[in-house]
């Protein structure tokens, strides 16, 4: 009963904000099954976490669009333009000052190194990984994590335009390992001759930090928009 009353109060606060002030650009990346971009329709973005974004915004009068880009572009938009919301994003010490944060929107998702079972490379520790070739996406959280731990492009990291390319390179033997969540890897292997059972799991990244999914609003965004999102998020949390 308390949750119901609490939700009604915040929904009421949401509608006090003028609709004309509530325009929001939402950006993300194709990260199935959490965020899924329909390859035949750029405006069709679905997925487990996308559904939660839509549920948070449903009671509001916010006029929003959701677009997916390579992570580096989405992050650039969210750090250089007002009224831009990015998801799913991990809250790190480096990122924290650049956004107004809304956490969590989805539970923690472990991210590990994976290799083909036929590959004899040791991927169980950061030290052993120095001898491997690992596929990453430019400037995403995993890329930055590896660089901060002494890895470098051209030595033990190779950059691809998207995770599908990384996995293709893994299956073709061009790289030794990829960095994935189990859920995303299983989804991306559906269109190949391989399954998750054909791969070995190795070192887990971000063991000492939060990996819960967040959404984050760019700085210098409209105060009315900030207030509406805060109210909507609190109301949604109260219903969980």
Protein backbone atom coordinates (compact mmCIF):
# COMPACT_ATOMS: atom_id res chain seq x y z
CA UNK A 1 0.00 0.00 0.00
CA UNK A 2 2.83 2.38 0.89
CA UNK A 3 4.53 1.73 -2.45
CA UNK A 4 1.28 2.50 -4.28
CA UNK A 5 0.78 5.83 -2.49
CA UNK A 6 4.46 6.72 -2.93
CA UNK A 7 4.22 6.07 -6.66
CA UNK A 8 1.12 8.23 -7.05
CA UNK A 9 2.83 11.16 -5.31
CA UNK A 10 5.83 11.05 -7.66
CA UNK A 11 3.72 10.55 -10.76
CA UNK A 12 1.82 13.66 -9.73
CA UNK A 13 5.10 15.57 -9.48
CA UNK A 14 6.04 14.42 -12.96
CA UNK A 15 2.96 15.94 -14.55
CA UNK A 16 3.59 19.32 -12.89
CA UNK A 17 6.47 19.86 -15.34
CA UNK A 18 5.59 21.59 -18.59
CA UNK A 19 5.47 19.18 -21.49
CA UNK A 20 7.07 21.74 -23.80
CA UNK A 21 10.28 21.51 -21.76
CA UNK A 22 10.51 17.74 -21.87
CA UNK A 23 12.45 16.70 -24.95
CA UNK A 24 14.98 13.94 -24.48
CA UNK A 25 17.45 12.19 -26.76
CA UNK A 26 18.28 8.68 -25.52
CA UNK A 27 21.38 6.91 -26.82
CA UNK A 28 22.77 3.45 -26.33
CA UNK A 29 24.61 0.65 -28.10
CA UNK A 30 23.48 -2.68 -29.52
CA UNK A 31 24.05 -4.96 -26.52
CA UNK A 32 21.69 -7.91 -26.77
CA UNK A 33 19.73 -9.18 -24.96
CA UNK A 34 19.79 -5.97 -22.89
CA UNK A 35 19.56 -3.49 -25.80
CA UNK A 36 18.56 -4.83 -29.22
CA UNK A 37 18.66 -2.76 -32.40
CA UNK A 38 16.42 -4.06 -35.17
CA UNK A 39 18.73 -4.16 -38.23
CA UNK A 40 15.79 -3.46 -40.53
CA UNK A 41 14.39 -0.50 -38.59
CA UNK A 42 16.68 2.01 -36.91
CA UNK A 43 13.82 3.34 -34.79
CA UNK A 44 13.03 -0.09 -33.35
CA UNK A 45 15.10 -0.58 -30.19
CA UNK A 46 14.04 -3.28 -27.76
CA UNK A 47 15.65 -5.54 -25.16
CA UNK A 48 15.42 -6.31 -21.44
CA UNK A 49 16.82 -2.97 -20.26
CA UNK A 50 15.16 -0.91 -22.99
CA UNK A 51 11.80 -2.17 -21.71
CA UNK A 52 12.70 -0.76 -18.30
CA UNK A 53 13.63 2.61 -19.80
CA UNK A 54 10.23 2.73 -21.50
CA UNK A 55 8.50 1.75 -18.25
CA UNK A 56 10.27 4.51 -16.31
CA UNK A 57 9.25 7.14 -18.87
CA UNK A 58 5.73 5.85 -19.54
CA UNK A 59 3.93 7.99 -16.91
CA UNK A 60 5.72 11.17 -17.98
CA UNK A 61 5.11 13.69 -20.73
CA UNK A 62 8.71 13.43 -21.89
CA UNK A 63 9.02 13.34 -25.67
CA UNK A 64 11.93 10.99 -26.33
CA UNK A 65 13.66 8.98 -29.01
CA UNK A 66 16.04 6.04 -28.58
CA UNK A 67 18.97 5.57 -30.96
CA UNK A 68 21.85 3.12 -30.94
CA UNK A 69 25.39 3.91 -32.09
CA UNK A 70 28.85 2.51 -31.46
CA UNK A 71 29.55 3.04 -27.75
CA UNK A 72 32.18 5.73 -28.32
CA UNK A 73 29.72 7.88 -30.28
CA UNK A 74 26.90 7.44 -27.78
CA UNK A 75 29.22 8.38 -24.92
CA UNK A 76 30.51 11.41 -26.84
CA UNK A 77 26.95 12.63 -27.43
CA UNK A 78 26.08 12.17 -23.77
CA UNK A 79 29.11 14.13 -22.59
CA UNK A 80 28.87 17.00 -25.08
CA UNK A 81 25.14 17.71 -25.52
CA UNK A 82 22.46 18.65 -22.99
CA UNK A 83 19.25 16.63 -22.65
CA UNK A 84 20.88 13.35 -23.64
CA UNK A 85 20.31 10.17 -21.63
CA UNK A 86 22.65 7.21 -22.04
CA UNK A 87 22.10 3.60 -20.95
CA UNK A 88 23.22 0.97 -19.95
CA UNK A 89 26.24 2.55 -18.36
CA UNK A 90 28.39 1.58 -15.37
CA UNK A 91 28.96 4.32 -12.81
CA UNK A 92 32.70 4.72 -12.37
CA UNK A 93 34.77 7.28 -10.48
CA UNK A 94 35.93 8.79 -13.77
CA UNK A 95 32.44 9.02 -15.25
CA UNK A 96 30.56 10.11 -12.14
CA UNK A 97 31.06 13.91 -12.45
CA UNK A 98 29.82 14.05 -16.05
CA UNK A 99 26.23 12.94 -15.47
CA UNK A 100 23.16 12.95 -13.29
CA UNK A 101 22.86 9.27 -12.38
CA UNK A 102 19.93 6.89 -12.02
CA UNK A 103 20.98 3.54 -10.56
CA UNK A 104 20.16 0.74 -10.73
CA UNK A 105 17.87 0.08 -13.66
CA UNK A 106 19.02 -3.55 -13.94
CA UNK A 107 21.05 -5.90 -11.70
CA UNK A 108 24.79 -6.45 -11.96
CA UNK A 109 26.01 -8.23 -15.08
CA UNK A 110 29.38 -9.99 -14.75
CA UNK A 111 31.75 -9.48 -17.69
CA UNK A 112 34.43 -12.09 -18.43
CA UNK A 113 37.03 -13.12 -20.96
CA UNK A 114 35.93 -16.00 -23.21
CA UNK A 115 37.92 -18.20 -25.60
CA UNK A 116 37.26 -21.23 -27.76
CA UNK A 117 37.92 -24.48 -25.89
CA UNK A 118 40.28 -25.47 -28.69
CA UNK A 119 42.48 -22.43 -27.92
CA UNK A 120 45.25 -23.27 -25.43
CA UNK A 121 45.85 -19.68 -24.30
CA UNK A 122 45.55 -19.14 -20.55
CA UNK A 123 42.89 -16.48 -19.90
CA UNK A 124 42.42 -17.03 -16.16
CA UNK A 125 44.46 -14.08 -14.87
CA UNK A 126 45.44 -10.60 -15.99
CA UNK A 127 49.06 -11.72 -16.04
CA UNK A 128 48.41 -14.66 -18.35
CA UNK A 129 46.21 -12.49 -20.57
CA UNK A 130 49.25 -10.37 -21.45
CA UNK A 131 50.18 -13.20 -23.84
CA UNK A 132 46.76 -13.22 -25.54
CA UNK A 133 45.22 -11.13 -28.31
CA UNK A 134 41.92 -9.70 -27.06
CA UNK A 135 39.17 -8.06 -29.09
CA UNK A 136 37.70 -4.84 -27.65
CA UNK A 137 35.51 -1.92 -28.68
CA UNK A 138 37.15 1.50 -28.78
CA UNK A 139 36.72 3.49 -25.56
CA UNK A 140 34.15 1.21 -23.97
CA UNK A 141 34.47 0.32 -20.31
CA UNK A 142 36.26 -2.97 -20.97
CA UNK A 143 38.76 -1.32 -23.33
CA UNK A 144 39.54 1.31 -20.71
CA UNK A 145 39.84 -1.35 -18.01
CA UNK A 146 42.40 -3.31 -20.01
CA UNK A 147 44.43 -0.19 -20.91
CA UNK A 148 44.47 0.83 -17.24
CA UNK A 149 45.91 -2.59 -16.45
CA UNK A 150 48.82 -2.33 -18.88
CA UNK A 151 47.32 -3.68 -22.11
CA UNK A 152 47.78 -1.84 -25.40
CA UNK A 153 46.34 -1.82 -28.90
CA UNK A 154 48.80 -3.42 -31.30
CA UNK A 155 50.37 -5.53 -28.58
CA UNK A 156 47.62 -7.51 -26.88
CA UNK A 157 44.47 -5.62 -27.82
CA UNK A 158 42.77 -5.28 -31.19
CA UNK A 159 39.86 -2.93 -31.82
CA UNK A 160 36.75 -3.83 -33.80
CA UNK A 161 33.80 -1.70 -34.88
CA UNK A 162 31.29 -3.88 -33.04
CA UNK A 163 31.07 -6.98 -30.87
CA UNK A 164 29.80 -9.11 -33.73
CA UNK A 165 33.12 -8.48 -35.50
CA UNK A 166 35.01 -9.39 -32.33
CA UNK A 167 33.16 -12.69 -32.07
CA UNK A 168 33.69 -13.42 -35.76
CA UNK A 169 37.42 -12.84 -35.28
CA UNK A 170 37.36 -15.15 -32.25
CA UNK A 171 35.63 -17.97 -34.11
CA UNK A 172 38.00 -17.53 -37.09
CA UNK A 173 41.04 -17.76 -34.84
CA UNK A 174 42.20 -14.18 -35.49
CA UNK A 175 42.07 -13.32 -31.79
CA UNK A 176 42.32 -15.41 -28.64
CA UNK A 177 39.57 -13.94 -26.50
CA UNK A 178 36.62 -11.56 -26.29
CA UNK A 179 35.16 -9.67 -23.35
CA UNK A 180 31.47 -10.40 -22.93
CA UNK A 181 28.65 -11.01 -20.51
CA UNK A 182 27.40 -14.59 -20.68
CA UNK A 183 23.95 -13.43 -21.76
CA UNK A 184 25.25 -11.26 -24.61
CA UNK A 185 27.67 -13.91 -25.82
CA UNK A 186 25.00 -16.61 -25.91
CA UNK A 187 22.72 -14.28 -27.88
CA UNK A 188 25.39 -13.35 -30.42
CA UNK A 189 26.38 -16.97 -31.00
CA UNK A 190 22.86 -17.88 -32.14
CA UNK A 191 23.67 -16.99 -35.75
CA UNK A 192 26.87 -19.06 -35.78
CA UNK A 193 27.71 -22.74 -35.70
CA UNK A 194 28.89 -22.37 -32.11
CA UNK A 195 27.20 -22.22 -28.73
CA UNK A 196 28.26 -21.01 -25.30
CA UNK A 197 29.25 -24.63 -24.51
CA UNK A 198 32.05 -24.39 -27.10
CA UNK A 199 33.78 -21.65 -25.12
CA UNK A 200 35.70 -21.46 -21.86
CA UNK A 201 35.17 -18.61 -19.41
CA UNK A 202 38.16 -16.86 -17.88
CA UNK A 203 39.08 -13.76 -15.91
CA UNK A 204 36.24 -11.56 -14.64
CA UNK A 205 36.65 -7.80 -15.11
CA UNK A 206 35.47 -5.09 -12.70
CA UNK A 207 35.54 -7.38 -9.66
CA UNK A 208 35.91 -4.49 -7.24
CA UNK A 209 33.35 -2.13 -8.74
CA UNK A 210 29.65 -1.95 -9.35
CA UNK A 211 28.50 -3.40 -12.64
CA UNK A 212 24.81 -2.69 -12.19
CA UNK A 213 23.11 -1.08 -15.16
CA UNK A 214 22.43 2.65 -14.85
CA UNK A 215 21.03 5.42 -16.98
CA UNK A 216 22.76 8.79 -16.91
CA UNK A 217 21.65 12.25 -18.00
CA UNK A 218 24.12 14.69 -19.54
CA UNK A 219 25.18 17.76 -17.61
CA UNK A 220 23.61 21.14 -18.41
CA UNK A 221 20.33 19.43 -19.18
CA UNK A 222 17.05 21.25 -18.59
CA UNK A 223 16.28 21.51 -14.84
CA UNK A 224 12.67 20.61 -15.64
CA UNK A 225 13.85 17.49 -17.42
CA UNK A 226 16.11 16.54 -14.51
CA UNK A 227 13.21 16.92 -12.07
CA UNK A 228 10.85 14.89 -14.24
CA UNK A 229 13.38 12.05 -14.63
CA UNK A 230 14.16 12.00 -10.92
CA UNK A 231 10.47 11.78 -10.06
CA UNK A 232 9.81 9.12 -12.68
CA UNK A 233 12.78 7.02 -11.56
CA UNK A 234 11.80 7.18 -7.88
CA UNK A 235 8.23 6.19 -8.73
CA UNK A 236 9.47 3.26 -10.83
CA UNK A 237 11.86 2.09 -8.10
CA UNK A 238 9.03 2.15 -5.56
CA UNK A 239 7.10 -0.30 -7.72
CA UNK A 240 9.92 -2.83 -8.01
